[in-house]
Amino acid sequence: MRRRCALHVPKGQLPPACPYCRTYSIRLAQESGRVTCFNVKCEDENGERPRGRIDKNQLDGTPMLTWADGRTTYYYGQEAS
């Protein structure tokens, strides 16, 4: 069974909001680095549950979320592995 957890952020900060539904429902599968929005009503531009992966920005190494439809969300909570 895959365990999904909220994205880690420094104490007192909010995690990144889902770019599709604007809720804080993004969950991470730590083993694979894949992310999914767990809001059951959330859909991407293709009408599907948003899915993506945590990655590193090639310019400065900061973490970012890259979504299946090509959208990118910059994420400053912790370094991507």
PDB file of N, CA and C in Angstrom:
ATOM      1  N   MET A   1       0.844  -1.181   0.000  1.00  0.00           N
ATOM      2  CA  MET A   1       0.000   0.000   0.000  1.00  0.00           C
ATOM      3  C   MET A   1       0.893   1.250   0.000  1.00  0.00           C
ATOM      4  N   ARG A   2       0.578   2.188  -0.838  1.00  0.00           N
ATOM      5  CA  ARG A   2       1.326   3.430  -0.903  1.00  0.00           C
ATOM      6  C   ARG A   2       0.865   4.383   0.180  1.00  0.00           C
ATOM      7  N   ARG A   3       1.816   4.919   0.898  1.00  0.00           N
ATOM      8  CA  ARG A   3       1.485   5.888   1.935  1.00  0.00           C
ATOM      9  C   ARG A   3       1.642   7.287   1.350  1.00  0.00           C
ATOM     10  N   ARG A   4       0.629   8.088   1.509  1.00  0.00           N
ATOM     11  CA  ARG A   4       0.659   9.470   1.025  1.00  0.00           C
ATOM     12  C   ARG A   4       0.622  10.403   2.223  1.00  0.00           C
ATOM     13  N   CYS A   5       1.408  11.461   2.151  1.00  0.00           N
ATOM     14  CA  CYS A   5       1.455  12.422   3.253  1.00  0.00           C
ATOM     15  C   CYS A   5       1.417  13.832   2.685  1.00  0.00           C
ATOM     16  N   ALA A   6       1.123  14.770   3.558  1.00  0.00           N
ATOM     17  CA  ALA A   6       1.130  16.174   3.152  1.00  0.00           C
ATOM     18  C   ALA A   6       2.570  16.591   2.858  1.00  0.00           C
ATOM     19  N   LEU A   7       2.736  17.600   2.023  1.00  0.00           N
ATOM     20  CA  LEU A   7       4.067  18.117   1.725  1.00  0.00           C
ATOM     21  C   LEU A   7       4.643  18.803   2.963  1.00  0.00           C
ATOM     22  N   HIS A   8       5.917  18.578   3.214  1.00  0.00           N
ATOM     23  CA  HIS A   8       6.574  19.192   4.364  1.00  0.00           C
ATOM     24  C   HIS A   8       6.830  20.665   4.093  1.00  0.00           C
ATOM     25  N   VAL A   9       6.508  21.486   5.075  1.00  0.00           N
ATOM     26  CA  VAL A   9       6.807  22.921   5.007  1.00  0.00           C
ATOM     27  C   VAL A   9       7.371  23.352   6.361  1.00  0.00           C
ATOM     28  N   PRO A  10       8.137  24.417   6.381  1.00  0.00           N
ATOM     29  CA  PRO A  10       8.638  24.920   7.658  1.00  0.00           C
ATOM     30  C   PRO A  10       7.477  25.280   8.599  1.00  0.00           C
ATOM     31  N   LYS A  11       7.725  25.144   9.886  1.00  0.00           N
ATOM     32  CA  LYS A  11       6.702  25.431  10.902  1.00  0.00           C
ATOM     33  C   LYS A  11       6.137  26.837  10.702  1.00  0.00           C
ATOM     34  N   GLY A  12       4.815  26.925  10.723  1.00  0.00           N
ATOM     35  CA  GLY A  12       4.137  28.204  10.580  1.00  0.00           C
ATOM     36  C   GLY A  12       3.802  28.585   9.144  1.00  0.00           C
ATOM     37  N   GLN A  13       4.239  27.788   8.166  1.00  0.00           N
ATOM     38  CA  GLN A  13       3.929  28.089   6.768  1.00  0.00           C
ATOM     39  C   GLN A  13       2.893  27.110   6.228  1.00  0.00           C
ATOM     40  N   LEU A  14       2.151  27.556   5.238  1.00  0.00           N
ATOM     41  CA  LEU A  14       1.170  26.699   4.581  1.00  0.00           C
ATOM     42  C   LEU A  14       1.830  25.937   3.445  1.00  0.00           C
ATOM     43  N   PRO A  15       1.357  24.727   3.165  1.00  0.00           N
ATOM     44  CA  PRO A  15       1.862  24.002   1.998  1.00  0.00           C
ATOM     45  C   PRO A  15       1.349  24.680   0.736  1.00  0.00           C
ATOM     46  N   PRO A  16       1.914  24.342  -0.425  1.00  0.00           N
ATOM     47  CA  PRO A  16       1.388  24.936  -1.650  1.00  0.00           C
ATOM     48  C   PRO A  16      -0.049  24.473  -1.899  1.00  0.00           C
ATOM     49  N   ALA A  17      -0.867  25.372  -2.394  1.00  0.00           N
ATOM     50  CA  ALA A  17      -2.247  25.033  -2.739  1.00  0.00           C
ATOM     51  C   ALA A  17      -2.265  24.324  -4.094  1.00  0.00           C
ATOM     52  N   CYS A  18      -3.230  23.475  -4.280  1.00  0.00           N
ATOM     53  CA  CYS A  18      -3.419  22.829  -5.579  1.00  0.00           C
ATOM     54  C   CYS A  18      -3.732  23.927  -6.600  1.00  0.00           C
ATOM     55  N   PRO A  19      -3.050  23.944  -7.746  1.00  0.00           N
ATOM     56  CA  PRO A  19      -3.299  24.999  -8.728  1.00  0.00           C
ATOM     57  C   PRO A  19      -4.653  24.872  -9.442  1.00  0.00           C
ATOM     58  N   TYR A  20      -5.337  23.754  -9.238  1.00  0.00           N
ATOM     59  CA  TYR A  20      -6.616  23.527  -9.916  1.00  0.00           C
ATOM     60  C   TYR A  20      -7.813  23.858  -9.035  1.00  0.00           C
ATOM     61  N   CYS A  21      -7.764  23.458  -7.746  1.00  0.00           N
ATOM     62  CA  CYS A  21      -8.916  23.685  -6.864  1.00  0.00           C
ATOM     63  C   CYS A  21      -8.612  24.664  -5.729  1.00  0.00           C
ATOM     64  N   ARG A  22      -7.358  25.079  -5.614  1.00  0.00           N
ATOM     65  CA  ARG A  22      -6.915  26.063  -4.627  1.00  0.00           C
ATOM     66  C   ARG A  22      -7.066  25.605  -3.172  1.00  0.00           C
ATOM     67  N   THR A  23      -7.168  24.284  -2.949  1.00  0.00           N
ATOM     68  CA  THR A  23      -7.199  23.760  -1.581  1.00  0.00           C
ATOM     69  C   THR A  23      -5.802  23.232  -1.235  1.00  0.00           C
ATOM     70  N   TYR A  24      -5.600  22.916   0.023  1.00  0.00           N
ATOM     71  CA  TYR A  24      -4.314  22.381   0.474  1.00  0.00           C
ATOM     72  C   TYR A  24      -4.390  20.856   0.540  1.00  0.00           C
ATOM     73  N   SER A  25      -4.817  20.246  -0.539  1.00  0.00           N
ATOM     74  CA  SER A  25      -5.079  18.806  -0.584  1.00  0.00           C
ATOM     75  C   SER A  25      -4.017  18.012  -1.334  1.00  0.00           C
ATOM     76  N   ILE A  26      -2.886  18.613  -1.629  1.00  0.00           N
ATOM     77  CA  ILE A  26      -1.830  17.884  -2.347  1.00  0.00           C
ATOM     78  C   ILE A  26      -1.176  16.897  -1.390  1.00  0.00           C
ATOM     79  N   ARG A  27      -1.035  15.659  -1.847  1.00  0.00           N
ATOM     80  CA  ARG A  27      -0.386  14.619  -1.053  1.00  0.00           C
ATOM     81  C   ARG A  27       0.768  14.029  -1.854  1.00  0.00           C
ATOM     82  N   LEU A  28       1.799  13.600  -1.139  1.00  0.00           N
ATOM     83  CA  LEU A  28       3.031  13.100  -1.726  1.00  0.00           C
ATOM     84  C   LEU A  28       3.224  11.633  -1.395  1.00  0.00           C
ATOM     85  N   ALA A  29       3.583  10.829  -2.397  1.00  0.00           N
ATOM     86  CA  ALA A  29       4.037   9.454  -2.175  1.00  0.00           C
ATOM     87  C   ALA A  29       5.551   9.546  -2.032  1.00  0.00           C
ATOM     88  N   GLN A  30       6.053   9.451  -0.808  1.00  0.00           N
ATOM     89  CA  GLN A  30       7.462   9.700  -0.541  1.00  0.00           C
ATOM     90  C   GLN A  30       8.388   8.754  -1.295  1.00  0.00           C
ATOM     91  N   GLU A  31       7.980   7.519  -1.500  1.00  0.00           N
ATOM     92  CA  GLU A  31       8.837   6.547  -2.173  1.00  0.00           C
ATOM     93  C   GLU A  31       9.111   6.928  -3.626  1.00  0.00           C
ATOM     94  N   SER A  32       8.111   7.481  -4.298  1.00  0.00           N
ATOM     95  CA  SER A  32       8.233   7.753  -5.737  1.00  0.00           C
ATOM     96  C   SER A  32       8.360   9.236  -6.079  1.00  0.00           C
ATOM     97  N   GLY A  33       7.993  10.127  -5.155  1.00  0.00           N
ATOM     98  CA  GLY A  33       8.010  11.557  -5.447  1.00  0.00           C
ATOM     99  C   GLY A  33       6.798  12.029  -6.227  1.00  0.00           C
ATOM    100  N   ARG A  34       5.806  11.164  -6.384  1.00  0.00           N
ATOM    101  CA  ARG A  34       4.590  11.538  -7.109  1.00  0.00           C
ATOM    102  C   ARG A  34       3.637  12.287  -6.189  1.00  0.00           C
ATOM    103  N   VAL A  35       2.933  13.266  -6.767  1.00  0.00           N
ATOM    104  CA  VAL A  35       1.953  14.049  -6.021  1.00  0.00           C
ATOM    105  C   VAL A  35       0.578  13.923  -6.665  1.00  0.00           C
ATOM    106  N   THR A  36      -0.447  14.045  -5.831  1.00  0.00           N
ATOM    107  CA  THR A  36      -1.836  13.956  -6.272  1.00  0.00           C
ATOM    108  C   THR A  36      -2.664  14.891  -5.407  1.00  0.00           C
ATOM    109  N   CYS A  37      -3.685  15.504  -5.995  1.00  0.00           N
ATOM    110  CA  CYS A  37      -4.638  16.265  -5.197  1.00  0.00           C
ATOM    111  C   CYS A  37      -5.690  15.285  -4.692  1.00  0.00           C
ATOM    112  N   PHE A  38      -5.919  15.286  -3.375  1.00  0.00           N
ATOM    113  CA  PHE A  38      -6.875  14.360  -2.782  1.00  0.00           C
ATOM    114  C   PHE A  38      -8.280  14.941  -2.652  1.00  0.00           C
ATOM    115  N   ASN A  39      -8.518  16.138  -3.163  1.00  0.00           N
ATOM    116  CA  ASN A  39      -9.866  16.708  -3.188  1.00  0.00           C
ATOM    117  C   ASN A  39     -10.650  15.943  -4.260  1.00  0.00           C
ATOM    118  N   VAL A  40     -11.670  15.200  -3.865  1.00  0.00           N
ATOM    119  CA  VAL A  40     -12.392  14.332  -4.803  1.00  0.00           C
ATOM    120  C   VAL A  40     -13.098  15.102  -5.928  1.00  0.00           C
ATOM    121  N   LYS A  41     -13.344  16.400  -5.733  1.00  0.00           N
ATOM    122  CA  LYS A  41     -14.005  17.203  -6.758  1.00  0.00           C
ATOM    123  C   LYS A  41     -13.014  17.902  -7.692  1.00  0.00           C
ATOM    124  N   CYS A  42     -11.723  17.759  -7.440  1.00  0.00           N
ATOM    125  CA  CYS A  42     -10.700  18.468  -8.210  1.00  0.00           C
ATOM    126  C   CYS A  42     -10.424  17.767  -9.538  1.00  0.00           C
ATOM    127  N   GLU A  43     -10.315  18.573 -10.606  1.00  0.00           N
ATOM    128  CA  GLU A  43      -9.983  18.062 -11.938  1.00  0.00           C
ATOM    129  C   GLU A  43      -8.994  18.994 -12.606  1.00  0.00           C
ATOM    130  N   ASP A  44      -8.085  18.414 -13.404  1.00  0.00           N
ATOM    131  CA  ASP A  44      -7.172  19.244 -14.183  1.00  0.00           C
ATOM    132  C   ASP A  44      -7.857  19.643 -15.494  1.00  0.00           C
ATOM    133  N   GLU A  45      -7.118  20.262 -16.389  1.00  0.00           N
ATOM    134  CA  GLU A  45      -7.708  20.720 -17.661  1.00  0.00           C
ATOM    135  C   GLU A  45      -8.172  19.571 -18.554  1.00  0.00           C
ATOM    136  N   ASN A  46      -7.714  18.345 -18.250  1.00  0.00           N
ATOM    137  CA  ASN A  46      -8.123  17.162 -19.018  1.00  0.00           C
ATOM    138  C   ASN A  46      -9.304  16.445 -18.374  1.00  0.00           C
ATOM    139  N   GLY A  47      -9.846  17.014 -17.281  1.00  0.00           N
ATOM    140  CA  GLY A  47     -10.977  16.406 -16.593  1.00  0.00           C
ATOM    141  C   GLY A  47     -10.589  15.240 -15.703  1.00  0.00           C
ATOM    142  N   GLU A  48      -9.305  15.123 -15.342  1.00  0.00           N
ATOM    143  CA  GLU A  48      -8.834  14.019 -14.519  1.00  0.00           C
ATOM    144  C   GLU A  48      -8.305  14.534 -13.183  1.00  0.00           C
ATOM    145  N   ARG A  49      -8.168  13.631 -12.228  1.00  0.00           N
ATOM    146  CA  ARG A  49      -7.574  13.988 -10.939  1.00  0.00           C
ATOM    147  C   ARG A  49      -6.145  14.450 -11.187  1.00  0.00           C
ATOM    148  N   PRO A  50      -5.757  15.623 -10.691  1.00  0.00           N
ATOM    149  CA  PRO A  50      -4.398  16.130 -10.922  1.00  0.00           C
ATOM    150  C   PRO A  50      -3.326  15.202 -10.350  1.00  0.00           C
ATOM    151  N   ARG A  51      -2.332  14.912 -11.190  1.00  0.00           N
ATOM    152  CA  ARG A  51      -1.213  14.062 -10.793  1.00  0.00           C
ATOM    153  C   ARG A  51       0.064  14.688 -11.319  1.00  0.00           C
ATOM    154  N   GLY A  52       1.126  14.509 -10.590  1.00  0.00           N
ATOM    155  CA  GLY A  52       2.407  15.047 -11.023  1.00  0.00           C
ATOM    156  C   GLY A  52       3.541  14.469 -10.212  1.00  0.00           C
ATOM    157  N   ARG A  53       4.647  15.224 -10.137  1.00  0.00           N
ATOM    158  CA  ARG A  53       5.801  14.761  -9.378  1.00  0.00           C
ATOM    159  C   ARG A  53       6.541  15.959  -8.798  1.00  0.00           C
ATOM    160  N   ILE A  54       7.275  15.702  -7.725  1.00  0.00           N
ATOM    161  CA  ILE A  54       8.124  16.730  -7.160  1.00  0.00           C
ATOM    162  C   ILE A  54       9.465  16.626  -7.889  1.00  0.00           C
ATOM    163  N   ASP A  55      10.007  17.766  -8.254  1.00  0.00           N
ATOM    164  CA  ASP A  55      11.216  17.801  -9.064  1.00  0.00           C
ATOM    165  C   ASP A  55      12.071  18.984  -8.621  1.00  0.00           C
ATOM    166  N   LYS A  56      13.231  19.149  -9.239  1.00  0.00           N
ATOM    167  CA  LYS A  56      14.097  20.296  -8.949  1.00  0.00           C
ATOM    168  C   LYS A  56      14.127  21.249 -10.127  1.00  0.00           C
ATOM    169  N   ASN A  57      14.073  22.539  -9.843  1.00  0.00           N
ATOM    170  CA  ASN A  57      14.243  23.565 -10.858  1.00  0.00           C
ATOM    171  C   ASN A  57      15.680  23.458 -11.369  1.00  0.00           C
ATOM    172  N   GLN A  58      15.857  23.336 -12.678  1.00  0.00           N
ATOM    173  CA  GLN A  58      17.181  23.151 -13.258  1.00  0.00           C
ATOM    174  C   GLN A  58      18.058  24.395 -13.150  1.00  0.00           C
ATOM    175  N   LEU A  59      17.468  25.559 -12.917  1.00  0.00           N
ATOM    176  CA  LEU A  59      18.247  26.787 -12.817  1.00  0.00           C
ATOM    177  C   LEU A  59      18.843  27.007 -11.430  1.00  0.00           C
ATOM    178  N   ASP A  60      18.036  26.790 -10.380  1.00  0.00           N
ATOM    179  CA  ASP A  60      18.537  27.092  -9.041  1.00  0.00           C
ATOM    180  C   ASP A  60      18.360  25.967  -8.021  1.00  0.00           C
ATOM    181  N   GLY A  61      17.810  24.835  -8.435  1.00  0.00           N
ATOM    182  CA  GLY A  61      17.681  23.685  -7.547  1.00  0.00           C
ATOM    183  C   GLY A  61      16.522  23.717  -6.584  1.00  0.00           C
ATOM    184  N   THR A  62      15.677  24.760  -6.633  1.00  0.00           N
ATOM    185  CA  THR A  62      14.532  24.813  -5.725  1.00  0.00           C
ATOM    186  C   THR A  62      13.488  23.777  -6.123  1.00  0.00           C
ATOM    187  N   PRO A  63      12.756  23.255  -5.143  1.00  0.00           N
ATOM    188  CA  PRO A  63      11.727  22.261  -5.436  1.00  0.00           C
ATOM    189  C   PRO A  63      10.568  22.854  -6.241  1.00  0.00           C
ATOM    190  N   MET A  64       9.983  22.021  -7.070  1.00  0.00           N
ATOM    191  CA  MET A  64       8.800  22.420  -7.820  1.00  0.00           C
ATOM    192  C   MET A  64       7.948  21.186  -8.073  1.00  0.00           C
ATOM    193  N   LEU A  65       6.671  21.419  -8.290  1.00  0.00           N
ATOM    194  CA  LEU A  65       5.732  20.356  -8.637  1.00  0.00           C
ATOM    195  C   LEU A  65       5.453  20.467 -10.127  1.00  0.00           C
ATOM    196  N   THR A  66       5.659  19.390 -10.848  1.00  0.00           N
ATOM    197  CA  THR A  66       5.402  19.351 -12.282  1.00  0.00           C
ATOM    198  C   THR A  66       4.188  18.461 -12.498  1.00  0.00           C
ATOM    199  N   TRP A  67       3.134  19.034 -13.070  1.00  0.00           N
ATOM    200  CA  TRP A  67       1.860  18.333 -13.234  1.00  0.00           C
ATOM    201  C   TRP A  67       1.782  17.654 -14.597  1.00  0.00           C
ATOM    202  N   ALA A  68       0.944  16.620 -14.702  1.00  0.00           N
ATOM    203  CA  ALA A  68       0.819  15.816 -15.918  1.00  0.00           C
ATOM    204  C   ALA A  68       0.406  16.640 -17.132  1.00  0.00           C
ATOM    205  N   ASP A  69      -0.359  17.725 -16.929  1.00  0.00           N
ATOM    206  CA  ASP A  69      -0.796  18.533 -18.065  1.00  0.00           C
ATOM    207  C   ASP A  69       0.214  19.615 -18.442  1.00  0.00           C
ATOM    208  N   GLY A  70       1.408  19.607 -17.774  1.00  0.00           N
ATOM    209  CA  GLY A  70       2.456  20.555 -18.120  1.00  0.00           C
ATOM    210  C   GLY A  70       2.571  21.758 -17.206  1.00  0.00           C
ATOM    211  N   ARG A  71       1.626  21.950 -16.328  1.00  0.00           N
ATOM    212  CA  ARG A  71       1.668  23.075 -15.397  1.00  0.00           C
ATOM    213  C   ARG A  71       2.777  22.851 -14.363  1.00  0.00           C
ATOM    214  N   THR A  72       3.378  23.937 -13.878  1.00  0.00           N
ATOM    215  CA  THR A  72       4.431  23.859 -12.872  1.00  0.00           C
ATOM    216  C   THR A  72       4.081  24.749 -11.689  1.00  0.00           C
ATOM    217  N   THR A  73       4.284  24.227 -10.482  1.00  0.00           N
ATOM    218  CA  THR A  73       4.076  24.979  -9.253  1.00  0.00           C
ATOM    219  C   THR A  73       5.396  25.022  -8.509  1.00  0.00           C
ATOM    220  N   TYR A  74       5.908  26.216  -8.237  1.00  0.00           N
ATOM    221  CA  TYR A  74       7.147  26.321  -7.472  1.00  0.00           C
ATOM    222  C   TYR A  74       6.833  26.127  -6.009  1.00  0.00           C
ATOM    223  N   TYR A  75       7.695  25.387  -5.340  1.00  0.00           N
ATOM    224  CA  TYR A  75       7.444  24.926  -3.990  1.00  0.00           C
ATOM    225  C   TYR A  75       8.698  25.164  -3.163  1.00  0.00           C
ATOM    226  N   TYR A  76       8.588  25.999  -2.142  1.00  0.00           N
ATOM    227  CA  TYR A  76       9.765  26.390  -1.358  1.00  0.00           C
ATOM    228  C   TYR A  76       9.833  25.725   0.006  1.00  0.00           C
ATOM    229  N   GLY A  77       9.081  24.665   0.233  1.00  0.00           N
ATOM    230  CA  GLY A  77       9.038  24.038   1.554  1.00  0.00           C
ATOM    231  C   GLY A  77      10.294  23.300   1.952  1.00  0.00           C
ATOM    232  N   GLN A  78      10.860  22.485   1.073  1.00  0.00           N
ATOM    233  CA  GLN A  78      12.074  21.744   1.371  1.00  0.00           C
ATOM    234  C   GLN A  78      12.728  21.342   0.065  1.00  0.00           C
ATOM    235  N   GLU A  79      13.946  20.925   0.133  1.00  0.00           N
ATOM    236  CA  GLU A  79      14.663  20.507  -1.063  1.00  0.00           C
ATOM    237  C   GLU A  79      14.080  19.224  -1.621  1.00  0.00           C
ATOM    238  N   ALA A  80      13.978  19.133  -2.927  1.00  0.00           N
ATOM    239  CA  ALA A  80      13.540  17.897  -3.574  1.00  0.00           C
ATOM    240  C   ALA A  80      14.673  16.896  -3.511  1.00  0.00           C
ATOM    241  N   SER A  81      14.333  15.622  -3.386  1.00  0.00           N
ATOM    242  CA  SER A  81      15.393  14.609  -3.324  1.00  0.00           C
ATOM    243  C   SER A  81      15.703  14.023  -4.678  1.00  0.00           C
TER     244      SER A  81
END
